[in-house]
Amino acid sequence: MIPFVALDSLFSKEIPRVPSEILQLIKQLSSKYQVPFELILSLVKVESDFNPQAISPKGAMGLMQLMPSTATFLGVQNPFDPQENLEAGIRYFKTLLEKFGDLSLALAAYNAGPKAVMDYQGIPPFPETRSFVNKVFGWFKKFSSLFSNERLSEGKMEEKTVTLLPF
């Protein structure tokens, strides 16, 4: 049986169930690339709902929903391998944060592509992209609230169940 961490939410009926291996990888790699853990957790929640085998209708794959061309560009051999997918996806997202210098624009570029953000000189007017940015921000607020009050040590992470509190 795979150990899970249930992140109970009072905000909605959704209860993210995160395999502890994935939670540990997100924590480790977000630290390595100096991107907030809660932000990457939110991005993965919205992109794949923590399913390493997820495939979108457009062909994006894995936890961070890498498009085939992006995965190839990033040197990903197996986009369904959690370690490889997260490593490449977080590294790519970090470059978008550095390029655009703005979280909203980096998220929009992750979803719609950097060219779309540059062409529109902002978040593209695509409903999917605008919804994506809002969803990631929503989860980011929830996870930030949770983890600011409940810093889990590496050894305890898979043993605890935590509740997101209203803010």
Protein backbone atom coordinates (compact mmCIF):
# COMPACT_ATOMS: atom_id res chain seq x y z
CA MET A 1 0.00 0.00 0.00
CA ILE A 2 1.28 3.47 -0.92
CA PRO A 3 1.28 5.86 2.06
CA PHE A 4 -0.74 9.00 1.43
CA VAL A 5 -0.96 12.35 3.10
CA ALA A 6 -4.53 13.64 3.12
CA LEU A 7 -4.65 17.40 2.93
CA ASP A 8 -8.16 18.02 4.21
CA SER A 9 -9.78 21.22 3.01
CA LEU A 10 -12.54 23.14 4.72
CA PHE A 11 -12.76 25.31 1.59
CA SER A 12 -14.25 22.63 -0.61
CA LYS A 13 -15.19 18.99 -0.69
CA GLU A 14 -11.91 18.20 -2.45
CA ILE A 15 -9.42 16.35 -0.30
CA PRO A 16 -6.09 16.07 -2.07
CA ARG A 17 -4.51 12.70 -1.44
CA VAL A 18 -0.83 12.96 -2.13
CA PRO A 19 1.43 9.91 -2.22
CA SER A 20 4.09 10.63 0.39
CA GLU A 21 6.86 9.86 -2.14
CA ILE A 22 5.55 12.65 -4.38
CA LEU A 23 5.19 15.06 -1.46
CA GLN A 24 8.79 14.37 -0.44
CA LEU A 25 10.03 14.88 -4.02
CA ILE A 26 8.15 18.17 -4.33
CA LYS A 27 9.62 19.35 -1.03
CA GLN A 28 13.17 18.31 -2.01
CA LEU A 29 13.10 19.71 -5.56
CA SER A 30 11.32 22.95 -4.71
CA SER A 31 14.07 23.56 -2.17
CA LYS A 32 16.77 22.68 -4.71
CA TYR A 33 15.38 25.19 -7.23
CA GLN A 34 14.39 27.75 -4.57
CA VAL A 35 10.73 27.84 -5.52
CA PRO A 36 8.17 27.80 -2.69
CA PHE A 37 7.08 24.26 -1.85
CA GLU A 38 3.45 25.39 -1.55
CA LEU A 39 3.59 26.89 -5.05
CA ILE A 40 4.85 23.68 -6.66
CA LEU A 41 2.33 21.67 -4.64
CA SER A 42 -0.39 23.96 -6.03
CA LEU A 43 0.90 23.71 -9.58
CA VAL A 44 0.96 19.90 -9.44
CA LYS A 45 -2.52 19.82 -7.84
CA VAL A 46 -3.98 21.88 -10.69
CA GLU A 47 -2.00 20.23 -13.48
CA SER A 48 -2.42 16.55 -12.65
CA ASP A 49 -4.16 16.22 -9.28
CA PHE A 50 -0.98 14.41 -8.15
CA ASN A 51 -1.41 11.64 -10.76
CA PRO A 52 2.01 10.75 -12.24
CA GLN A 53 0.29 8.91 -15.13
CA ALA A 54 -1.96 11.84 -16.12
CA ILE A 55 -2.27 12.65 -19.82
CA SER A 56 -4.17 15.74 -20.97
CA PRO A 57 -6.35 15.87 -24.09
CA LYS A 58 -3.55 17.94 -25.67
CA GLY A 59 -0.91 15.33 -24.85
CA ALA A 60 0.73 16.87 -21.76
CA MET A 61 2.13 14.17 -19.49
CA GLY A 62 2.86 13.39 -15.88
CA LEU A 63 2.67 15.32 -12.64
CA MET A 64 3.61 18.68 -14.12
CA GLN A 65 1.89 18.01 -17.46
CA LEU A 66 4.91 18.46 -19.70
CA MET A 67 4.13 18.75 -23.39
CA PRO A 68 6.13 16.27 -25.50
CA SER A 69 8.22 19.03 -27.11
CA THR A 70 8.95 20.62 -23.73
CA ALA A 71 9.86 17.25 -22.22
CA THR A 72 12.26 16.60 -25.12
CA PHE A 73 13.77 20.09 -24.80
CA LEU A 74 14.31 19.50 -21.07
CA GLY A 75 15.93 16.10 -21.67
CA VAL A 76 13.16 14.08 -20.06
CA GLN A 77 13.39 10.38 -20.97
CA ASN A 78 10.28 9.21 -19.09
CA PRO A 79 7.69 11.93 -18.42
CA PHE A 80 5.71 9.53 -16.21
CA ASP A 81 8.60 9.09 -13.78
CA PRO A 82 7.77 11.39 -10.83
CA GLN A 83 11.40 12.32 -10.11
CA GLU A 84 12.22 13.13 -13.72
CA ASN A 85 8.95 14.96 -14.41
CA LEU A 86 9.12 17.08 -11.26
CA GLU A 87 12.81 17.86 -11.70
CA ALA A 88 12.30 19.07 -15.28
CA GLY A 89 9.00 20.82 -14.59
CA ILE A 90 10.26 22.74 -11.57
CA ARG A 91 13.49 23.66 -13.36
CA TYR A 92 11.44 24.92 -16.33
CA PHE A 93 9.02 26.84 -14.10
CA LYS A 94 11.97 28.47 -12.31
CA THR A 95 13.27 29.74 -15.68
CA LEU A 96 9.82 31.22 -16.40
CA LEU A 97 9.82 32.98 -13.01
CA GLU A 98 13.24 34.43 -13.78
CA LYS A 99 12.29 35.41 -17.34
CA PHE A 100 9.02 37.16 -16.49
CA GLY A 101 9.78 38.28 -12.93
CA ASP A 102 6.12 37.92 -12.04
CA LEU A 103 4.29 34.90 -10.63
CA SER A 104 1.08 35.46 -12.62
CA LEU A 105 2.99 35.79 -15.89
CA ALA A 106 5.16 32.75 -15.13
CA LEU A 107 2.05 30.67 -14.44
CA ALA A 108 0.40 31.93 -17.63
CA ALA A 109 3.56 31.09 -19.59
CA TYR A 110 3.65 27.62 -18.05
CA ASN A 111 0.09 27.04 -19.24
CA ALA A 112 -0.09 28.88 -22.57
CA GLY A 113 3.58 29.08 -23.47
CA PRO A 114 6.06 31.94 -23.10
CA LYS A 115 5.37 33.20 -26.63
CA ALA A 116 1.68 33.79 -25.85
CA VAL A 117 2.59 35.84 -22.76
CA MET A 118 5.10 37.88 -24.76
CA ASP A 119 2.69 38.35 -27.68
CA TYR A 120 -0.08 39.63 -25.39
CA GLN A 121 2.36 41.46 -23.10
CA GLY A 122 0.56 39.90 -20.17
CA ILE A 123 -1.73 37.02 -19.34
CA PRO A 124 -3.30 35.87 -22.62
CA PRO A 125 -7.08 36.28 -22.85
CA PHE A 126 -7.58 32.52 -23.05
CA PRO A 127 -10.24 31.31 -20.58
CA GLU A 128 -8.23 28.14 -19.87
CA THR A 129 -5.10 30.13 -19.00
CA ARG A 130 -6.93 32.65 -16.83
CA SER A 131 -8.70 29.84 -15.00
CA PHE A 132 -5.40 27.99 -14.55
CA VAL A 133 -3.69 31.01 -12.99
CA ASN A 134 -6.64 31.59 -10.63
CA LYS A 135 -6.78 27.93 -9.58
CA VAL A 136 -3.05 27.79 -8.84
CA PHE A 137 -3.30 31.00 -6.79
CA GLY A 138 -6.29 29.59 -4.91
CA TRP A 139 -4.44 26.42 -3.96
CA PHE A 140 -1.29 28.41 -3.22
CA LYS A 141 -3.20 30.47 -0.63
CA LYS A 142 -4.66 27.31 0.92
CA PHE A 143 -1.36 25.43 1.05
CA SER A 144 0.52 28.52 2.29
CA SER A 145 -1.96 28.92 5.12
CA LEU A 146 -1.65 25.27 6.00
CA PHE A 147 2.12 25.03 5.93
CA SER A 148 2.76 28.36 7.63
CA ASN A 149 1.00 26.90 10.67
CA GLU A 150 1.99 23.29 10.22
CA ARG A 151 5.64 22.91 9.15
CA LEU A 152 6.07 19.20 8.73
CA SER A 153 9.48 17.70 9.25
CA GLU A 154 10.73 15.36 6.52
CA GLY A 155 10.36 12.33 8.78
CA LYS A 156 6.82 13.13 9.91
CA MET A 157 5.32 14.16 6.59
CA GLU A 158 3.87 10.79 5.62
CA GLU A 159 2.52 10.10 9.10
CA LYS A 160 0.44 13.25 9.58
CA THR A 161 -2.92 14.30 8.30
CA VAL A 162 -3.32 18.04 8.23
CA THR A 163 -6.32 20.29 7.77
CA LEU A 164 -6.39 23.44 5.71
CA LEU A 165 -7.83 26.18 7.89
CA PRO A 166 -9.95 29.07 6.60
CA PHE A 167 -8.10 32.35 6.22
